[in-house]
């Protein structure tokens, strides 16, 4: 099992940047695929980005169309952390951001139900 804790959220003006972090506890973090999801008020939780373990030593990245080119997902297995660098933020990026993890590979990269482990979320607010 793995426990996840997000940090780094806050208030930023449109066009600004934020970096979210997700700290994982537990063993064998490198064997988990990880992802970021977000949930805006009144909306369902949606996929943002993922790092999918390929079974070896690398991870394949995936992004939603709405953040591609603006957000960058990364991880440091030595530190058991995952990050989301968010640039050119827009008011529509306002949401609670969650990190998620699944042992090996999720059945669906962008499927909320495919991830078994979740953090508590961190609020990101982008003002216009």
N, C-alpha and C. Protein backbone atom coordinates (compact mmCIF):
# COMPACT_ATOMS: atom_id res chain seq x y z
N UNK A 1 0.83 -1.19 0.00
CA UNK A 1 0.00 0.00 0.00
C UNK A 1 0.87 1.25 0.00
N UNK A 2 0.27 2.36 -0.40
CA UNK A 2 0.97 3.63 -0.41
C UNK A 2 0.02 4.71 0.10
N UNK A 3 0.57 5.62 0.87
CA UNK A 3 -0.19 6.78 1.34
C UNK A 3 0.34 8.03 0.62
N UNK A 4 -0.57 8.91 0.24
CA UNK A 4 -0.22 10.07 -0.57
C UNK A 4 -0.64 11.37 0.12
N UNK A 5 0.23 12.36 0.08
CA UNK A 5 -0.08 13.67 0.66
C UNK A 5 0.35 14.75 -0.32
N UNK A 6 -0.61 15.58 -0.74
CA UNK A 6 -0.32 16.67 -1.67
C UNK A 6 0.05 17.95 -0.92
N UNK A 7 0.78 18.81 -1.60
CA UNK A 7 1.10 20.13 -1.08
C UNK A 7 1.39 21.06 -2.26
N UNK A 8 1.42 22.35 -1.97
CA UNK A 8 1.82 23.32 -2.99
C UNK A 8 0.71 24.12 -3.62
N UNK A 9 -0.53 23.83 -3.25
CA UNK A 9 -1.63 24.60 -3.81
C UNK A 9 -1.64 26.02 -3.28
N UNK A 10 -2.48 26.86 -3.88
CA UNK A 10 -2.58 28.23 -3.44
C UNK A 10 -3.33 29.09 -4.42
N UNK A 11 -3.22 30.41 -4.22
CA UNK A 11 -3.88 31.39 -5.08
C UNK A 11 -2.85 32.02 -6.00
N UNK A 12 -3.17 32.07 -7.28
CA UNK A 12 -2.25 32.64 -8.26
C UNK A 12 -3.05 33.38 -9.31
N UNK A 13 -2.46 34.39 -9.89
CA UNK A 13 -3.12 35.14 -10.96
C UNK A 13 -3.03 34.37 -12.28
N UNK A 14 -3.97 34.64 -13.13
CA UNK A 14 -3.94 34.02 -14.46
C UNK A 14 -2.62 34.33 -15.15
N UNK A 15 -2.08 33.31 -15.79
CA UNK A 15 -0.78 33.44 -16.44
C UNK A 15 0.38 33.04 -15.56
N UNK A 16 0.11 32.86 -14.27
CA UNK A 16 1.15 32.49 -13.34
C UNK A 16 1.43 31.00 -13.31
N UNK A 17 2.27 30.61 -12.37
CA UNK A 17 2.71 29.22 -12.26
C UNK A 17 2.61 28.72 -10.82
N UNK A 18 2.44 27.43 -10.69
CA UNK A 18 2.47 26.75 -9.40
C UNK A 18 3.09 25.39 -9.60
N UNK A 19 3.66 24.88 -8.51
CA UNK A 19 4.19 23.52 -8.54
C UNK A 19 3.56 22.74 -7.40
N UNK A 20 2.87 21.69 -7.75
CA UNK A 20 2.28 20.80 -6.76
C UNK A 20 3.22 19.62 -6.50
N UNK A 21 3.22 19.16 -5.27
CA UNK A 21 4.00 17.99 -4.91
C UNK A 21 3.12 16.94 -4.26
N UNK A 22 3.52 15.70 -4.42
CA UNK A 22 2.81 14.59 -3.81
C UNK A 22 3.86 13.70 -3.16
N UNK A 23 3.80 13.58 -1.85
CA UNK A 23 4.73 12.73 -1.12
C UNK A 23 4.09 11.38 -0.84
N UNK A 24 4.81 10.33 -1.14
CA UNK A 24 4.29 8.98 -0.95
C UNK A 24 5.04 8.27 0.16
N UNK A 25 4.30 7.56 0.98
CA UNK A 25 4.92 6.70 1.99
C UNK A 25 4.54 5.27 1.69
N UNK A 26 5.39 4.35 2.09
CA UNK A 26 5.17 2.96 1.75
C UNK A 26 6.32 2.48 0.90
N UNK A 27 6.31 1.21 0.60
CA UNK A 27 7.43 0.62 -0.12
C UNK A 27 7.14 0.49 -1.61
N UNK A 28 8.21 0.39 -2.36
CA UNK A 28 8.14 0.08 -3.78
C UNK A 28 7.38 1.13 -4.57
N UNK A 29 7.58 2.39 -4.23
CA UNK A 29 6.88 3.48 -4.94
C UNK A 29 7.17 3.43 -6.42
N UNK A 30 8.36 3.01 -6.80
CA UNK A 30 8.75 2.99 -8.21
C UNK A 30 7.91 2.03 -9.03
N UNK A 31 7.23 1.10 -8.39
CA UNK A 31 6.43 0.11 -9.08
C UNK A 31 4.96 0.55 -9.26
N UNK A 32 4.68 1.76 -8.85
CA UNK A 32 3.34 2.30 -8.99
C UNK A 32 3.27 3.27 -10.16
N UNK A 33 2.21 3.23 -10.90
CA UNK A 33 1.87 4.31 -11.81
C UNK A 33 1.19 5.40 -10.99
N UNK A 34 1.40 6.65 -11.40
CA UNK A 34 0.86 7.77 -10.63
C UNK A 34 0.21 8.78 -11.55
N UNK A 35 -0.68 9.54 -10.98
CA UNK A 35 -1.44 10.49 -11.80
C UNK A 35 -1.91 11.68 -10.96
N UNK A 36 -2.30 12.71 -11.66
CA UNK A 36 -2.96 13.86 -11.06
C UNK A 36 -4.37 13.96 -11.65
N UNK A 37 -5.32 14.21 -10.79
CA UNK A 37 -6.69 14.50 -11.18
C UNK A 37 -7.07 15.83 -10.52
N UNK A 38 -8.16 16.41 -10.99
CA UNK A 38 -8.66 17.63 -10.37
C UNK A 38 -10.19 17.63 -10.37
N UNK A 39 -10.74 18.38 -9.43
CA UNK A 39 -12.19 18.47 -9.33
C UNK A 39 -12.58 19.91 -9.03
N UNK A 40 -13.29 20.51 -9.97
CA UNK A 40 -13.80 21.86 -9.79
C UNK A 40 -15.17 21.80 -9.13
N UNK A 41 -15.60 22.88 -8.49
CA UNK A 41 -16.90 22.88 -7.82
C UNK A 41 -18.02 22.51 -8.78
N UNK A 42 -18.84 21.58 -8.36
CA UNK A 42 -19.98 21.16 -9.16
C UNK A 42 -19.65 20.27 -10.33
N UNK A 43 -18.40 19.88 -10.46
CA UNK A 43 -18.00 19.03 -11.59
C UNK A 43 -17.41 17.72 -11.09
N UNK A 44 -17.34 16.77 -11.99
CA UNK A 44 -16.74 15.49 -11.64
C UNK A 44 -15.21 15.60 -11.65
N UNK A 45 -14.60 14.69 -10.92
CA UNK A 45 -13.14 14.64 -10.90
C UNK A 45 -12.64 14.23 -12.27
N UNK A 46 -11.66 14.98 -12.80
CA UNK A 46 -11.17 14.71 -14.14
C UNK A 46 -9.67 14.48 -14.17
N UNK A 47 -9.26 13.73 -15.15
CA UNK A 47 -7.85 13.39 -15.34
C UNK A 47 -7.07 14.61 -15.78
N UNK A 48 -5.84 14.74 -15.26
CA UNK A 48 -4.95 15.83 -15.66
C UNK A 48 -3.70 15.28 -16.34
N UNK A 49 -2.99 14.39 -15.65
CA UNK A 49 -1.73 13.87 -16.19
C UNK A 49 -1.37 12.59 -15.47
N UNK A 50 -0.53 11.77 -16.11
CA UNK A 50 -0.14 10.51 -15.50
C UNK A 50 1.26 10.10 -15.93
N UNK A 51 1.88 9.31 -15.10
CA UNK A 51 3.14 8.62 -15.41
C UNK A 51 2.86 7.13 -15.25
N UNK A 52 2.87 6.42 -16.35
CA UNK A 52 2.49 5.02 -16.35
C UNK A 52 3.75 4.16 -16.44
N UNK A 53 3.92 3.30 -15.46
CA UNK A 53 5.10 2.43 -15.40
C UNK A 53 5.08 1.46 -16.57
N UNK A 54 6.24 1.31 -17.25
CA UNK A 54 6.26 0.43 -18.42
C UNK A 54 6.71 -0.98 -18.09
N UNK A 55 6.91 -1.26 -16.78
CA UNK A 55 7.34 -2.58 -16.38
C UNK A 55 8.84 -2.68 -16.26
N UNK A 56 9.54 -1.66 -16.68
CA UNK A 56 11.00 -1.66 -16.60
C UNK A 56 11.46 -0.51 -15.72
N UNK A 57 12.18 0.40 -16.32
CA UNK A 57 12.72 1.52 -15.55
C UNK A 57 12.19 2.87 -16.03
N UNK A 58 11.27 2.87 -16.94
CA UNK A 58 10.76 4.14 -17.47
C UNK A 58 9.26 4.25 -17.27
N UNK A 59 8.77 5.46 -17.48
CA UNK A 59 7.35 5.76 -17.33
C UNK A 59 6.89 6.53 -18.56
N UNK A 60 5.72 6.20 -19.02
CA UNK A 60 5.14 6.91 -20.15
C UNK A 60 4.22 8.01 -19.63
N UNK A 61 4.34 9.19 -20.22
CA UNK A 61 3.53 10.30 -19.77
C UNK A 61 2.25 10.41 -20.59
N UNK A 62 1.24 10.96 -19.94
CA UNK A 62 -0.04 11.21 -20.60
C UNK A 62 -0.61 12.49 -20.01
N UNK A 63 -1.24 13.28 -20.85
CA UNK A 63 -1.84 14.54 -20.42
C UNK A 63 -3.23 14.68 -21.01
N UNK A 64 -4.08 15.37 -20.29
CA UNK A 64 -5.36 15.74 -20.88
C UNK A 64 -5.12 16.85 -21.89
N UNK A 65 -5.98 16.96 -22.86
CA UNK A 65 -5.82 17.99 -23.89
C UNK A 65 -5.84 19.39 -23.29
N UNK A 66 -6.58 19.57 -22.22
CA UNK A 66 -6.74 20.91 -21.65
C UNK A 66 -5.48 21.43 -20.97
N UNK A 67 -4.54 20.55 -20.64
CA UNK A 67 -3.32 21.00 -19.95
C UNK A 67 -2.06 20.71 -20.75
N UNK A 68 -2.19 20.00 -21.85
CA UNK A 68 -1.02 19.64 -22.64
C UNK A 68 -0.28 20.90 -23.10
N UNK A 69 1.03 20.90 -22.89
CA UNK A 69 1.84 22.05 -23.26
C UNK A 69 1.99 23.08 -22.17
N UNK A 70 1.16 22.99 -21.13
CA UNK A 70 1.23 23.94 -20.01
C UNK A 70 1.69 23.27 -18.72
N UNK A 71 1.29 22.02 -18.52
CA UNK A 71 1.62 21.28 -17.30
C UNK A 71 2.68 20.23 -17.60
N UNK A 72 3.51 19.96 -16.60
CA UNK A 72 4.52 18.92 -16.71
C UNK A 72 4.50 18.05 -15.47
N UNK A 73 4.33 16.76 -15.67
CA UNK A 73 4.34 15.81 -14.56
C UNK A 73 5.71 15.16 -14.46
N UNK A 74 6.16 14.94 -13.24
CA UNK A 74 7.46 14.30 -13.04
C UNK A 74 7.44 13.56 -11.71
N UNK A 75 8.44 12.76 -11.50
CA UNK A 75 8.55 12.02 -10.24
C UNK A 75 10.01 11.79 -9.90
N UNK A 76 10.28 11.60 -8.62
CA UNK A 76 11.61 11.29 -8.12
C UNK A 76 11.44 10.07 -7.22
N UNK A 77 11.74 8.91 -7.74
CA UNK A 77 11.54 7.68 -6.98
C UNK A 77 12.46 7.59 -5.77
N UNK A 78 13.63 8.19 -5.87
CA UNK A 78 14.56 8.16 -4.73
C UNK A 78 13.98 8.91 -3.53
N UNK A 79 13.14 9.91 -3.81
CA UNK A 79 12.53 10.69 -2.73
C UNK A 79 11.07 10.34 -2.51
N UNK A 80 10.57 9.39 -3.27
CA UNK A 80 9.15 9.00 -3.17
C UNK A 80 8.22 10.19 -3.37
N UNK A 81 8.49 10.97 -4.39
CA UNK A 81 7.67 12.14 -4.65
C UNK A 81 7.26 12.22 -6.12
N UNK A 82 6.17 12.94 -6.34
CA UNK A 82 5.69 13.22 -7.67
C UNK A 82 5.33 14.71 -7.70
N UNK A 83 5.50 15.33 -8.86
CA UNK A 83 5.24 16.77 -8.95
C UNK A 83 4.40 17.08 -10.18
N UNK A 84 3.76 18.23 -10.13
CA UNK A 84 3.04 18.75 -11.28
C UNK A 84 3.39 20.23 -11.41
N UNK A 85 4.14 20.55 -12.43
CA UNK A 85 4.48 21.94 -12.70
C UNK A 85 3.41 22.51 -13.61
N UNK A 86 2.78 23.60 -13.16
CA UNK A 86 1.67 24.19 -13.90
C UNK A 86 2.04 25.60 -14.33
N UNK A 87 2.12 25.82 -15.62
CA UNK A 87 2.45 27.13 -16.19
C UNK A 87 1.24 27.70 -16.93
N UNK A 88 1.29 28.98 -17.19
CA UNK A 88 0.23 29.66 -17.96
C UNK A 88 -1.15 29.31 -17.41
N UNK A 89 -1.29 29.41 -16.13
CA UNK A 89 -2.53 29.01 -15.49
C UNK A 89 -3.71 29.88 -15.91
N UNK A 90 -4.87 29.26 -16.00
CA UNK A 90 -6.10 29.92 -16.41
C UNK A 90 -7.13 29.79 -15.30
N UNK A 91 -8.10 30.69 -15.25
CA UNK A 91 -9.14 30.57 -14.23
C UNK A 91 -9.83 29.21 -14.26
N UNK A 92 -9.96 28.61 -15.42
CA UNK A 92 -10.61 27.31 -15.52
C UNK A 92 -9.76 26.17 -14.96
N UNK A 93 -8.53 26.46 -14.57
CA UNK A 93 -7.71 25.45 -13.89
C UNK A 93 -8.02 25.40 -12.39
N UNK A 94 -8.85 26.30 -11.92
CA UNK A 94 -9.22 26.32 -10.51
C UNK A 94 -9.93 25.02 -10.13
N UNK A 95 -9.40 24.36 -9.11
CA UNK A 95 -9.94 23.06 -8.69
C UNK A 95 -9.16 22.56 -7.49
N UNK A 96 -9.67 21.51 -6.90
CA UNK A 96 -8.88 20.74 -5.93
C UNK A 96 -8.12 19.69 -6.74
N UNK A 97 -6.83 19.64 -6.52
CA UNK A 97 -5.97 18.72 -7.26
C UNK A 97 -5.60 17.54 -6.36
N UNK A 98 -5.74 16.34 -6.93
CA UNK A 98 -5.48 15.11 -6.19
C UNK A 98 -4.38 14.31 -6.89
N UNK A 99 -3.49 13.74 -6.11
CA UNK A 99 -2.58 12.75 -6.68
C UNK A 99 -3.15 11.36 -6.42
N UNK A 100 -2.83 10.47 -7.32
CA UNK A 100 -3.36 9.12 -7.26
C UNK A 100 -2.29 8.12 -7.67
N UNK A 101 -2.45 6.89 -7.22
CA UNK A 101 -1.47 5.86 -7.54
C UNK A 101 -2.16 4.52 -7.71
N UNK A 102 -1.56 3.70 -8.53
CA UNK A 102 -2.06 2.34 -8.76
C UNK A 102 -0.87 1.42 -8.95
N UNK A 103 -0.93 0.26 -8.34
CA UNK A 103 0.15 -0.73 -8.46
C UNK A 103 0.33 -1.13 -9.92
N UNK A 104 1.57 -1.09 -10.38
CA UNK A 104 1.92 -1.44 -11.76
C UNK A 104 1.24 -0.47 -12.74
N UNK A 105 0.20 -0.92 -13.42
CA UNK A 105 -0.45 -0.05 -14.40
C UNK A 105 -1.96 -0.04 -14.20
N UNK A 106 -2.57 1.14 -14.31
CA UNK A 106 -4.04 1.19 -14.19
C UNK A 106 -4.69 0.58 -15.42
N UNK A 107 -5.89 0.10 -15.27
CA UNK A 107 -6.60 -0.46 -16.41
C UNK A 107 -6.94 0.62 -17.43
N UNK A 108 -7.10 1.84 -16.94
CA UNK A 108 -7.36 2.97 -17.80
C UNK A 108 -6.54 4.15 -17.31
N UNK A 109 -5.69 4.71 -18.18
CA UNK A 109 -4.80 5.78 -17.77
C UNK A 109 -5.55 6.96 -17.17
N UNK A 110 -6.66 7.33 -17.79
CA UNK A 110 -7.38 8.52 -17.35
C UNK A 110 -8.68 8.21 -16.61
N UNK A 111 -8.81 6.98 -16.18
CA UNK A 111 -10.02 6.57 -15.47
C UNK A 111 -9.87 6.71 -13.97
N UNK A 112 -10.75 7.52 -13.38
CA UNK A 112 -10.68 7.75 -11.94
C UNK A 112 -10.77 6.43 -11.17
N UNK A 113 -11.61 5.53 -11.61
CA UNK A 113 -11.82 4.27 -10.90
C UNK A 113 -10.65 3.32 -11.03
N UNK A 114 -9.69 3.64 -11.88
CA UNK A 114 -8.55 2.75 -12.11
C UNK A 114 -7.44 2.93 -11.09
N UNK A 115 -7.57 3.94 -10.24
CA UNK A 115 -6.54 4.22 -9.25
C UNK A 115 -7.06 3.92 -7.85
N UNK A 116 -6.29 3.17 -7.10
CA UNK A 116 -6.75 2.71 -5.79
C UNK A 116 -6.37 3.63 -4.65
N UNK A 117 -5.32 4.41 -4.83
CA UNK A 117 -4.79 5.22 -3.73
C UNK A 117 -4.88 6.70 -4.09
N UNK A 118 -5.32 7.49 -3.12
CA UNK A 118 -5.57 8.92 -3.35
C UNK A 118 -5.07 9.75 -2.18
N UNK A 119 -4.63 10.95 -2.51
CA UNK A 119 -4.33 11.92 -1.47
C UNK A 119 -5.58 12.67 -1.07
N UNK A 120 -5.41 13.62 -0.15
CA UNK A 120 -6.56 14.35 0.37
C UNK A 120 -6.90 15.57 -0.48
N UNK A 121 -6.01 15.96 -1.38
CA UNK A 121 -6.26 17.07 -2.27
C UNK A 121 -5.65 18.38 -1.79
N UNK A 122 -5.34 19.25 -2.74
CA UNK A 122 -4.83 20.58 -2.45
C UNK A 122 -5.53 21.58 -3.39
N UNK A 123 -5.94 22.70 -2.83
CA UNK A 123 -6.73 23.67 -3.59
C UNK A 123 -5.82 24.56 -4.44
N UNK A 124 -6.20 24.70 -5.70
CA UNK A 124 -5.55 25.65 -6.60
C UNK A 124 -6.62 26.63 -7.08
N UNK A 125 -6.37 27.91 -6.87
CA UNK A 125 -7.30 28.94 -7.30
C UNK A 125 -6.57 29.92 -8.20
N UNK A 126 -7.11 30.11 -9.41
CA UNK A 126 -6.51 31.02 -10.37
C UNK A 126 -7.45 32.20 -10.57
N UNK A 127 -7.00 33.38 -10.24
CA UNK A 127 -7.83 34.57 -10.37
C UNK A 127 -7.62 35.23 -11.72
N UNK A 128 -8.69 35.83 -12.23
CA UNK A 128 -8.60 36.46 -13.55
C UNK A 128 -8.16 37.91 -13.45
